[in-house]
Amino acid sequence: MHILVTVRQLDASDKLKSFAEERANKLTRYYDLIQEIEVTIEGGKEGHEGNHVEVLVNAEHNNTFVANASDDNPYAAIDACCDKLERQISEHKKKFRNRKHQTS
């Protein structure tokens, strides 16, 4: 599995990048078929406050999961994105599992 962390318009420390990698790596607990995770952290632009984080998860069988979050604290935005993705992946896995074991 490949994790790519990109930081734009923000002076990011190695601590922020490693936090994003650790948090993204925990998503593999929920779904084994994850192939790539892309984390994009953008600093506040003019007219916009806070930091914007987007996380893309590419899995086998052309499944893509996306989460966005904005917050003044980039760590909180990363946590929010990963929480959203955990929910999306769990729902997808439950739907896939239930499809195979339908009762009629």
PDB file of N, CA and C in Angstrom:
ATOM      1  N   MET A   1       0.836  -1.168   0.000  1.00  0.00           N
ATOM      2  CA  MET A   1       0.000   0.000   0.000  1.00  0.00           C
ATOM      3  C   MET A   1       0.888   1.240   0.000  1.00  0.00           C
ATOM      4  N   HIS A   2       0.457   2.235  -0.724  1.00  0.00           N
ATOM      5  CA  HIS A   2       1.231   3.454  -0.905  1.00  0.00           C
ATOM      6  C   HIS A   2       0.472   4.619  -0.277  1.00  0.00           C
ATOM      7  N   ILE A   3       1.141   5.411   0.571  1.00  0.00           N
ATOM      8  CA  ILE A   3       0.538   6.596   1.179  1.00  0.00           C
ATOM      9  C   ILE A   3       1.310   7.811   0.703  1.00  0.00           C
ATOM     10  N   LEU A   4       0.599   8.773   0.122  1.00  0.00           N
ATOM     11  CA  LEU A   4       1.209   9.999  -0.390  1.00  0.00           C
ATOM     12  C   LEU A   4       0.628  11.187   0.365  1.00  0.00           C
ATOM     13  N   VAL A   5       1.490  11.973   1.006  1.00  0.00           N
ATOM     14  CA  VAL A   5       1.061  13.161   1.745  1.00  0.00           C
ATOM     15  C   VAL A   5       1.586  14.380   1.014  1.00  0.00           C
ATOM     16  N   THR A   6       0.674  15.267   0.597  1.00  0.00           N
ATOM     17  CA  THR A   6       1.031  16.486  -0.113  1.00  0.00           C
ATOM     18  C   THR A   6       0.588  17.683   0.715  1.00  0.00           C
ATOM     19  N   VAL A   7       1.480  18.665   0.859  1.00  0.00           N
ATOM     20  CA  VAL A   7       1.170  19.873   1.621  1.00  0.00           C
ATOM     21  C   VAL A   7       1.313  21.070   0.696  1.00  0.00           C
ATOM     22  N   ARG A   8       0.281  21.909   0.670  1.00  0.00           N
ATOM     23  CA  ARG A   8       0.291  23.090  -0.201  1.00  0.00           C
ATOM     24  C   ARG A   8       0.038  24.339   0.631  1.00  0.00           C
ATOM     25  N   GLN A   9       0.744  25.388   0.321  1.00  0.00           N
ATOM     26  CA  GLN A   9       0.572  26.710   0.917  1.00  0.00           C
ATOM     27  C   GLN A   9       0.614  26.674   2.444  1.00  0.00           C
ATOM     28  N   LEU A  10       1.467  25.825   2.969  1.00  0.00           N
ATOM     29  CA  LEU A  10       1.586  25.682   4.408  1.00  0.00           C
ATOM     30  C   LEU A  10       2.984  25.170   4.720  1.00  0.00           C
ATOM     31  N   ASP A  11       3.594  25.703   5.757  1.00  0.00           N
ATOM     32  CA  ASP A  11       4.885  25.189   6.202  1.00  0.00           C
ATOM     33  C   ASP A  11       4.607  24.032   7.146  1.00  0.00           C
ATOM     34  N   ALA A  12       4.682  22.840   6.624  1.00  0.00           N
ATOM     35  CA  ALA A  12       4.341  21.658   7.413  1.00  0.00           C
ATOM     36  C   ALA A  12       5.601  21.013   7.975  1.00  0.00           C
ATOM     37  N   SER A  13       5.494  20.604   9.205  1.00  0.00           N
ATOM     38  CA  SER A  13       6.610  19.914   9.835  1.00  0.00           C
ATOM     39  C   SER A  13       6.534  18.424   9.503  1.00  0.00           C
ATOM     40  N   ASP A  14       7.615  17.746   9.793  1.00  0.00           N
ATOM     41  CA  ASP A  14       7.626  16.293   9.604  1.00  0.00           C
ATOM     42  C   ASP A  14       6.633  15.625  10.554  1.00  0.00           C
ATOM     43  N   LYS A  15       6.385  16.268  11.679  1.00  0.00           N
ATOM     44  CA  LYS A  15       5.433  15.724  12.647  1.00  0.00           C
ATOM     45  C   LYS A  15       4.025  15.672  12.056  1.00  0.00           C
ATOM     46  N   LEU A  16       3.624  16.711  11.328  1.00  0.00           N
ATOM     47  CA  LEU A  16       2.306  16.741  10.693  1.00  0.00           C
ATOM     48  C   LEU A  16       2.197  15.671   9.612  1.00  0.00           C
ATOM     49  N   LYS A  17       3.241  15.537   8.813  1.00  0.00           N
ATOM     50  CA  LYS A  17       3.231  14.521   7.757  1.00  0.00           C
ATOM     51  C   LYS A  17       3.182  13.114   8.338  1.00  0.00           C
ATOM     52  N   SER A  18       3.961  12.866   9.383  1.00  0.00           N
ATOM     53  CA  SER A  18       3.958  11.524   9.979  1.00  0.00           C
ATOM     54  C   SER A  18       2.616  11.237  10.656  1.00  0.00           C
ATOM     55  N   PHE A  19       1.992  12.275  11.246  1.00  0.00           N
ATOM     56  CA  PHE A  19       0.664  12.094  11.843  1.00  0.00           C
ATOM     57  C   PHE A  19      -0.348  11.707  10.768  1.00  0.00           C
ATOM     58  N   ALA A  20      -0.293  12.385   9.630  1.00  0.00           N
ATOM     59  CA  ALA A  20      -1.210  12.072   8.528  1.00  0.00           C
ATOM     60  C   ALA A  20      -0.983  10.650   8.016  1.00  0.00           C
ATOM     61  N   GLU A  21       0.273  10.236   7.900  1.00  0.00           N
ATOM     62  CA  GLU A  21       0.574   8.878   7.448  1.00  0.00           C
ATOM     63  C   GLU A  21       0.077   7.833   8.437  1.00  0.00           C
ATOM     64  N   GLU A  22       0.298   8.072   9.733  1.00  0.00           N
ATOM     65  CA  GLU A  22      -0.145   7.125  10.753  1.00  0.00           C
ATOM     66  C   GLU A  22      -1.660   6.988  10.756  1.00  0.00           C
ATOM     67  N   ARG A  23      -2.339   8.124  10.670  1.00  0.00           N
ATOM     68  CA  ARG A  23      -3.803   8.126  10.709  1.00  0.00           C
ATOM     69  C   ARG A  23      -4.365   7.447   9.457  1.00  0.00           C
ATOM     70  N   ALA A  24      -3.763   7.702   8.307  1.00  0.00           N
ATOM     71  CA  ALA A  24      -4.224   7.083   7.057  1.00  0.00           C
ATOM     72  C   ALA A  24      -3.935   5.588   7.059  1.00  0.00           C
ATOM     73  N   ASN A  25      -2.836   5.197   7.655  1.00  0.00           N
ATOM     74  CA  ASN A  25      -2.467   3.784   7.694  1.00  0.00           C
ATOM     75  C   ASN A  25      -3.458   2.964   8.524  1.00  0.00           C
ATOM     76  N   LYS A  26      -4.127   3.595   9.482  1.00  0.00           N
ATOM     77  CA  LYS A  26      -5.101   2.894  10.314  1.00  0.00           C
ATOM     78  C   LYS A  26      -6.354   2.505   9.529  1.00  0.00           C
ATOM     79  N   LEU A  27      -6.560   3.098   8.365  1.00  0.00           N
ATOM     80  CA  LEU A  27      -7.736   2.770   7.556  1.00  0.00           C
ATOM     81  C   LEU A  27      -7.676   1.338   7.023  1.00  0.00           C
ATOM     82  N   THR A  28      -6.486   0.769   6.964  1.00  0.00           N
ATOM     83  CA  THR A  28      -6.362  -0.599   6.462  1.00  0.00           C
ATOM     84  C   THR A  28      -6.989  -1.618   7.412  1.00  0.00           C
ATOM     85  N   ARG A  29      -7.252  -1.226   8.645  1.00  0.00           N
ATOM     86  CA  ARG A  29      -7.951  -2.110   9.576  1.00  0.00           C
ATOM     87  C   ARG A  29      -9.364  -2.411   9.093  1.00  0.00           C
ATOM     88  N   TYR A  30      -9.962  -1.442   8.406  1.00  0.00           N
ATOM     89  CA  TYR A  30     -11.358  -1.555   8.022  1.00  0.00           C
ATOM     90  C   TYR A  30     -11.557  -2.223   6.665  1.00  0.00           C
ATOM     91  N   TYR A  31     -10.537  -2.181   5.805  1.00  0.00           N
ATOM     92  CA  TYR A  31     -10.694  -2.729   4.456  1.00  0.00           C
ATOM     93  C   TYR A  31      -9.334  -3.198   3.963  1.00  0.00           C
ATOM     94  N   ASP A  32      -9.234  -4.476   3.625  1.00  0.00           N
ATOM     95  CA  ASP A  32      -7.950  -5.060   3.234  1.00  0.00           C
ATOM     96  C   ASP A  32      -7.517  -4.670   1.833  1.00  0.00           C
ATOM     97  N   LEU A  33      -8.462  -4.294   0.989  1.00  0.00           N
ATOM     98  CA  LEU A  33      -8.178  -4.106  -0.429  1.00  0.00           C
ATOM     99  C   LEU A  33      -7.711  -2.695  -0.789  1.00  0.00           C
ATOM    100  N   ILE A  34      -7.319  -1.893   0.190  1.00  0.00           N
ATOM    101  CA  ILE A  34      -6.834  -0.537  -0.077  1.00  0.00           C
ATOM    102  C   ILE A  34      -5.468  -0.611  -0.746  1.00  0.00           C
ATOM    103  N   GLN A  35      -5.347   0.092  -1.869  1.00  0.00           N
ATOM    104  CA  GLN A  35      -4.089   0.095  -2.608  1.00  0.00           C
ATOM    105  C   GLN A  35      -3.302   1.380  -2.418  1.00  0.00           C
ATOM    106  N   GLU A  36      -3.993   2.514  -2.351  1.00  0.00           N
ATOM    107  CA  GLU A  36      -3.299   3.798  -2.282  1.00  0.00           C
ATOM    108  C   GLU A  36      -4.134   4.797  -1.493  1.00  0.00           C
ATOM    109  N   ILE A  37      -3.452   5.630  -0.713  1.00  0.00           N
ATOM    110  CA  ILE A  37      -4.106   6.700   0.033  1.00  0.00           C
ATOM    111  C   ILE A  37      -3.366   7.997  -0.266  1.00  0.00           C
ATOM    112  N   GLU A  38      -4.119   9.022  -0.677  1.00  0.00           N
ATOM    113  CA  GLU A  38      -3.542  10.338  -0.958  1.00  0.00           C
ATOM    114  C   GLU A  38      -4.120  11.341   0.027  1.00  0.00           C
ATOM    115  N   VAL A  39      -3.246  12.007   0.770  1.00  0.00           N
ATOM    116  CA  VAL A  39      -3.656  13.025   1.733  1.00  0.00           C
ATOM    117  C   VAL A  39      -3.147  14.370   1.230  1.00  0.00           C
ATOM    118  N   THR A  40      -4.057  15.325   1.047  1.00  0.00           N
ATOM    119  CA  THR A  40      -3.680  16.666   0.607  1.00  0.00           C
ATOM    120  C   THR A  40      -4.065  17.656   1.693  1.00  0.00           C
ATOM    121  N   ILE A  41      -3.070  18.412   2.174  1.00  0.00           N
ATOM    122  CA  ILE A  41      -3.291  19.402   3.219  1.00  0.00           C
ATOM    123  C   ILE A  41      -3.000  20.767   2.613  1.00  0.00           C
ATOM    124  N   GLU A  42      -4.005  21.643   2.638  1.00  0.00           N
ATOM    125  CA  GLU A  42      -3.839  22.989   2.081  1.00  0.00           C
ATOM    126  C   GLU A  42      -3.984  24.018   3.187  1.00  0.00           C
ATOM    127  N   GLY A  43      -3.104  24.993   3.175  1.00  0.00           N
ATOM    128  CA  GLY A  43      -3.186  26.086   4.126  1.00  0.00           C
ATOM    129  C   GLY A  43      -4.306  27.028   3.746  1.00  0.00           C
ATOM    130  N   GLY A  44      -4.636  27.944   4.641  1.00  0.00           N
ATOM    131  CA  GLY A  44      -5.717  28.892   4.385  1.00  0.00           C
ATOM    132  C   GLY A  44      -5.385  29.830   3.236  1.00  0.00           C
ATOM    133  N   LYS A  45      -6.329  30.008   2.345  1.00  0.00           N
ATOM    134  CA  LYS A  45      -6.173  30.931   1.225  1.00  0.00           C
ATOM    135  C   LYS A  45      -6.800  32.265   1.596  1.00  0.00           C
ATOM    136  N   GLU A  46      -6.593  33.255   0.746  1.00  0.00           N
ATOM    137  CA  GLU A  46      -7.200  34.554   1.005  1.00  0.00           C
ATOM    138  C   GLU A  46      -8.710  34.416   0.928  1.00  0.00           C
ATOM    139  N   GLY A  47      -9.405  34.961   1.916  1.00  0.00           N
ATOM    140  CA  GLY A  47     -10.853  34.871   1.950  1.00  0.00           C
ATOM    141  C   GLY A  47     -11.360  33.597   2.610  1.00  0.00           C
ATOM    142  N   HIS A  48     -10.487  32.642   2.856  1.00  0.00           N
ATOM    143  CA  HIS A  48     -10.864  31.401   3.517  1.00  0.00           C
ATOM    144  C   HIS A  48     -10.024  31.246   4.777  1.00  0.00           C
ATOM    145  N   GLU A  49     -10.664  30.812   5.825  1.00  0.00           N
ATOM    146  CA  GLU A  49      -9.930  30.601   7.067  1.00  0.00           C
ATOM    147  C   GLU A  49      -9.675  29.119   7.267  1.00  0.00           C
ATOM    148  N   GLY A  50      -8.656  28.819   7.989  1.00  0.00           N
ATOM    149  CA  GLY A  50      -8.379  27.449   8.367  1.00  0.00           C
ATOM    150  C   GLY A  50      -7.642  26.659   7.310  1.00  0.00           C
ATOM    151  N   ASN A  51      -7.497  25.396   7.580  1.00  0.00           N
ATOM    152  CA  ASN A  51      -6.798  24.464   6.707  1.00  0.00           C
ATOM    153  C   ASN A  51      -7.812  23.501   6.111  1.00  0.00           C
ATOM    154  N   HIS A  52      -7.566  23.124   4.880  1.00  0.00           N
ATOM    155  CA  HIS A  52      -8.453  22.188   4.190  1.00  0.00           C
ATOM    156  C   HIS A  52      -7.687  20.889   3.960  1.00  0.00           C
ATOM    157  N   VAL A  53      -8.305  19.777   4.323  1.00  0.00           N
ATOM    158  CA  VAL A  53      -7.686  18.460   4.150  1.00  0.00           C
ATOM    159  C   VAL A  53      -8.609  17.611   3.289  1.00  0.00           C
ATOM    160  N   GLU A  54      -8.015  16.935   2.308  1.00  0.00           N
ATOM    161  CA  GLU A  54      -8.759  16.006   1.464  1.00  0.00           C
ATOM    162  C   GLU A  54      -8.015  14.681   1.456  1.00  0.00           C
ATOM    163  N   VAL A  55      -8.743  13.600   1.647  1.00  0.00           N
ATOM    164  CA  VAL A  55      -8.141  12.271   1.654  1.00  0.00           C
ATOM    165  C   VAL A  55      -8.860  11.421   0.612  1.00  0.00           C
ATOM    166  N   LEU A  56      -8.091  10.847  -0.300  1.00  0.00           N
ATOM    167  CA  LEU A  56      -8.610   9.941  -1.323  1.00  0.00           C
ATOM    168  C   LEU A  56      -8.077   8.542  -1.041  1.00  0.00           C
ATOM    169  N   VAL A  57      -8.969   7.576  -1.033  1.00  0.00           N
ATOM    170  CA  VAL A  57      -8.579   6.188  -0.820  1.00  0.00           C
ATOM    171  C   VAL A  57      -8.962   5.403  -2.061  1.00  0.00           C
ATOM    172  N   ASN A  58      -7.979   4.805  -2.708  1.00  0.00           N
ATOM    173  CA  ASN A  58      -8.218   3.968  -3.875  1.00  0.00           C
ATOM    174  C   ASN A  58      -8.076   2.518  -3.450  1.00  0.00           C
ATOM    175  N   ALA A  59      -9.118   1.734  -3.750  1.00  0.00           N
ATOM    176  CA  ALA A  59      -9.118   0.322  -3.392  1.00  0.00           C
ATOM    177  C   ALA A  59      -9.316  -0.512  -4.652  1.00  0.00           C
ATOM    178  N   GLU A  60      -9.162  -1.814  -4.487  1.00  0.00           N
ATOM    179  CA  GLU A  60      -9.342  -2.719  -5.616  1.00  0.00           C
ATOM    180  C   GLU A  60     -10.779  -2.650  -6.125  1.00  0.00           C
ATOM    181  N   HIS A  61     -10.964  -3.139  -7.332  1.00  0.00           N
ATOM    182  CA  HIS A  61     -12.261  -3.174  -7.991  1.00  0.00           C
ATOM    183  C   HIS A  61     -12.817  -1.776  -8.228  1.00  0.00           C
ATOM    184  N   ASN A  62     -11.927  -0.825  -8.468  1.00  0.00           N
ATOM    185  CA  ASN A  62     -12.287   0.545  -8.841  1.00  0.00           C
ATOM    186  C   ASN A  62     -13.139   1.244  -7.786  1.00  0.00           C
ATOM    187  N   ASN A  63     -12.906   0.968  -6.524  1.00  0.00           N
ATOM    188  CA  ASN A  63     -13.599   1.642  -5.433  1.00  0.00           C
ATOM    189  C   ASN A  63     -12.760   2.833  -4.977  1.00  0.00           C
ATOM    190  N   THR A  64     -13.399   3.993  -4.905  1.00  0.00           N
ATOM    191  CA  THR A  64     -12.720   5.203  -4.454  1.00  0.00           C
ATOM    192  C   THR A  64     -13.555   5.837  -3.356  1.00  0.00           C
ATOM    193  N   PHE A  65     -12.895   6.205  -2.273  1.00  0.00           N
ATOM    194  CA  PHE A  65     -13.557   6.861  -1.153  1.00  0.00           C
ATOM    195  C   PHE A  65     -12.904   8.226  -0.967  1.00  0.00           C
ATOM    196  N   VAL A  66     -13.721   9.261  -0.734  1.00  0.00           N
ATOM    197  CA  VAL A  66     -13.220  10.631  -0.628  1.00  0.00           C
ATOM    198  C   VAL A  66     -13.798  11.278   0.623  1.00  0.00           C
ATOM    199  N   ALA A  67     -12.961  12.042   1.330  1.00  0.00           N
ATOM    200  CA  ALA A  67     -13.421  12.806   2.482  1.00  0.00           C
ATOM    201  C   ALA A  67     -12.716  14.157   2.492  1.00  0.00           C
ATOM    202  N   ASN A  68     -13.468  15.198   2.869  1.00  0.00           N
ATOM    203  CA  ASN A  68     -12.948  16.560   2.969  1.00  0.00           C
ATOM    204  C   ASN A  68     -13.280  17.114   4.343  1.00  0.00           C
ATOM    205  N   ALA A  69     -12.393  17.943   4.872  1.00  0.00           N
ATOM    206  CA  ALA A  69     -12.660  18.618   6.143  1.00  0.00           C
ATOM    207  C   ALA A  69     -11.847  19.904   6.201  1.00  0.00           C
ATOM    208  N   SER A  70     -12.406  20.905   6.864  1.00  0.00           N
ATOM    209  CA  SER A  70     -11.708  22.174   7.079  1.00  0.00           C
ATOM    210  C   SER A  70     -11.722  22.495   8.560  1.00  0.00           C
ATOM    211  N   ASP A  71     -10.600  23.001   9.038  1.00  0.00           N
ATOM    212  CA  ASP A  71     -10.494  23.362  10.449  1.00  0.00           C
ATOM    213  C   ASP A  71      -9.274  24.264  10.605  1.00  0.00           C
ATOM    214  N   ASP A  72      -9.259  25.048  11.673  1.00  0.00           N
ATOM    215  CA  ASP A  72      -8.095  25.886  11.949  1.00  0.00           C
ATOM    216  C   ASP A  72      -6.877  25.041  12.304  1.00  0.00           C
ATOM    217  N   ASN A  73      -7.126  23.896  12.916  1.00  0.00           N
ATOM    218  CA  ASN A  73      -6.059  22.983  13.312  1.00  0.00           C
ATOM    219  C   ASN A  73      -5.959  21.861  12.271  1.00  0.00           C
ATOM    220  N   PRO A  74      -4.828  21.730  11.582  1.00  0.00           N
ATOM    221  CA  PRO A  74      -4.730  20.680  10.559  1.00  0.00           C
ATOM    222  C   PRO A  74      -4.849  19.272  11.127  1.00  0.00           C
ATOM    223  N   TYR A  75      -4.435  19.067  12.376  1.00  0.00           N
ATOM    224  CA  TYR A  75      -4.548  17.746  12.995  1.00  0.00           C
ATOM    225  C   TYR A  75      -6.024  17.357  13.161  1.00  0.00           C
ATOM    226  N   ALA A  76      -6.848  18.327  13.571  1.00  0.00           N
ATOM    227  CA  ALA A  76      -8.279  18.067  13.730  1.00  0.00           C
ATOM    228  C   ALA A  76      -8.932  17.781  12.387  1.00  0.00           C
ATOM    229  N   ALA A  77      -8.491  18.469  11.337  1.00  0.00           N
ATOM    230  CA  ALA A  77      -9.047  18.234  10.003  1.00  0.00           C
ATOM    231  C   ALA A  77      -8.681  16.837   9.501  1.00  0.00           C
ATOM    232  N   ILE A  78      -7.461  16.399   9.772  1.00  0.00           N
ATOM    233  CA  ILE A  78      -7.042  15.046   9.380  1.00  0.00           C
ATOM    234  C   ILE A  78      -7.869  14.006  10.134  1.00  0.00           C
ATOM    235  N   ASP A  79      -8.076  14.222  11.431  1.00  0.00           N
ATOM    236  CA  ASP A  79      -8.898  13.303  12.220  1.00  0.00           C
ATOM    237  C   ASP A  79     -10.320  13.231  11.680  1.00  0.00           C
ATOM    238  N   ALA A  80     -10.885  14.388  11.337  1.00  0.00           N
ATOM    239  CA  ALA A  80     -12.256  14.412  10.816  1.00  0.00           C
ATOM    240  C   ALA A  80     -12.358  13.641   9.502  1.00  0.00           C
ATOM    241  N   CYS A  81     -11.385  13.823   8.617  1.00  0.00           N
ATOM    242  CA  CYS A  81     -11.387  13.095   7.344  1.00  0.00           C
ATOM    243  C   CYS A  81     -11.289  11.595   7.563  1.00  0.00           C
ATOM    244  N   CYS A  82     -10.404  11.193   8.436  1.00  0.00           N
ATOM    245  CA  CYS A  82     -10.229   9.751   8.675  1.00  0.00           C
ATOM    246  C   CYS A  82     -11.468   9.149   9.326  1.00  0.00           C
ATOM    247  N   ASP A  83     -12.137   9.901  10.197  1.00  0.00           N
ATOM    248  CA  ASP A  83     -13.380   9.407  10.791  1.00  0.00           C
ATOM    249  C   ASP A  83     -14.454   9.223   9.720  1.00  0.00           C
ATOM    250  N   LYS A  84     -14.550  10.172   8.806  1.00  0.00           N
ATOM    251  CA  LYS A  84     -15.516  10.055   7.710  1.00  0.00           C
ATOM    252  C   LYS A  84     -15.204   8.846   6.834  1.00  0.00           C
ATOM    253  N   LEU A  85     -13.931   8.645   6.551  1.00  0.00           N
ATOM    254  CA  LEU A  85     -13.546   7.512   5.711  1.00  0.00           C
ATOM    255  C   LEU A  85     -13.785   6.176   6.404  1.00  0.00           C
ATOM    256  N   GLU A  86     -13.554   6.131   7.709  1.00  0.00           N
ATOM    257  CA  GLU A  86     -13.840   4.899   8.443  1.00  0.00           C
ATOM    258  C   GLU A  86     -15.304   4.522   8.296  1.00  0.00           C
ATOM    259  N   ARG A  87     -16.180   5.525   8.402  1.00  0.00           N
ATOM    260  CA  ARG A  87     -17.607   5.277   8.265  1.00  0.00           C
ATOM    261  C   ARG A  87     -17.953   4.825   6.847  1.00  0.00           C
ATOM    262  N   GLN A  88     -17.401   5.511   5.841  1.00  0.00           N
ATOM    263  CA  GLN A  88     -17.673   5.152   4.444  1.00  0.00           C
ATOM    264  C   GLN A  88     -17.212   3.728   4.135  1.00  0.00           C
ATOM    265  N   ILE A  89     -16.019   3.404   4.562  1.00  0.00           N
ATOM    266  CA  ILE A  89     -15.458   2.082   4.269  1.00  0.00           C
ATOM    267  C   ILE A  89     -16.241   0.994   5.000  1.00  0.00           C
ATOM    268  N   SER A  90     -16.617   1.247   6.249  1.00  0.00           N
ATOM    269  CA  SER A  90     -17.392   0.265   7.000  1.00  0.00           C
ATOM    270  C   SER A  90     -18.749   0.024   6.354  1.00  0.00           C
ATOM    271  N   GLU A  91     -19.408   1.103   5.913  1.00  0.00           N
ATOM    272  CA  GLU A  91     -20.702   0.959   5.241  1.00  0.00           C
ATOM    273  C   GLU A  91     -20.561   0.197   3.932  1.00  0.00           C
ATOM    274  N   HIS A  92     -19.516   0.493   3.182  1.00  0.00           N
ATOM    275  CA  HIS A  92     -19.289  -0.214   1.912  1.00  0.00           C
ATOM    276  C   HIS A  92     -19.056  -1.699   2.164  1.00  0.00           C
ATOM    277  N   LYS A  93     -18.260  -1.994   3.165  1.00  0.00           N
ATOM    278  CA  LYS A  93     -17.946  -3.385   3.472  1.00  0.00           C
ATOM    279  C   LYS A  93     -19.193  -4.131   3.947  1.00  0.00           C
ATOM    280  N   LYS A  94     -20.013  -3.456   4.758  1.00  0.00           N
ATOM    281  CA  LYS A  94     -21.241  -4.070   5.238  1.00  0.00           C
ATOM    282  C   LYS A  94     -22.214  -4.324   4.078  1.00  0.00           C
ATOM    283  N   LYS A  95     -22.318  -3.361   3.178  1.00  0.00           N
ATOM    284  CA  LYS A  95     -23.195  -3.519   2.024  1.00  0.00           C
ATOM    285  C   LYS A  95     -22.720  -4.660   1.128  1.00  0.00           C
ATOM    286  N   PHE A  96     -21.420  -4.739   0.918  1.00  0.00           N
ATOM    287  CA  PHE A  96     -20.847  -5.802   0.092  1.00  0.00           C
ATOM    288  C   PHE A  96     -21.074  -7.168   0.741  1.00  0.00           C
ATOM    289  N   ARG A  97     -20.868  -7.239   2.030  1.00  0.00           N
ATOM    290  CA  ARG A  97     -21.036  -8.491   2.760  1.00  0.00           C
ATOM    291  C   ARG A  97     -22.504  -8.925   2.760  1.00  0.00           C
ATOM    292  N   ASN A  98     -23.437  -8.001   2.962  1.00  0.00           N
ATOM    293  CA  ASN A  98     -24.857  -8.325   2.985  1.00  0.00           C
ATOM    294  C   ASN A  98     -25.381  -8.719   1.612  1.00  0.00           C
ATOM    295  N   ARG A  99     -24.760  -8.227   0.565  1.00  0.00           N
ATOM    296  CA  ARG A  99     -25.194  -8.566  -0.776  1.00  0.00           C
ATOM    297  C   ARG A  99     -24.995 -10.057  -1.053  1.00  0.00           C
ATOM    298  N   LYS A 100     -23.944 -10.601  -0.489  1.00  0.00           N
ATOM    299  CA  LYS A 100     -23.646 -12.012  -0.712  1.00  0.00           C
ATOM    300  C   LYS A 100     -24.520 -12.944   0.118  1.00  0.00           C
ATOM    301  N   HIS A 101     -25.074 -12.443   1.223  1.00  0.00           N
ATOM    302  CA  HIS A 101     -25.836 -13.292   2.132  1.00  0.00           C
ATOM    303  C   HIS A 101     -27.265 -12.790   2.303  1.00  0.00           C
ATOM    304  N   GLN A 102     -27.935 -12.547   1.205  1.00  0.00           N
ATOM    305  CA  GLN A 102     -29.299 -12.085   1.266  1.00  0.00           C
ATOM    306  C   GLN A 102     -30.235 -13.235   1.632  1.00  0.00           C
ATOM    307  N   THR A 103     -31.216 -12.909   2.444  1.00  0.00           N
ATOM    308  CA  THR A 103     -32.227 -13.920   2.790  1.00  0.00           C
ATOM    309  C   THR A 103     -33.521 -13.521   2.109  1.00  0.00           C
ATOM    310  N   SER A 104     -34.156 -14.472   1.464  1.00  0.00           N
ATOM    311  CA  SER A 104     -35.411 -14.181   0.761  1.00  0.00           C
ATOM    312  C   SER A 104     -36.531 -15.032   1.275  1.00  0.00           C
TER     313      SER A 104
END
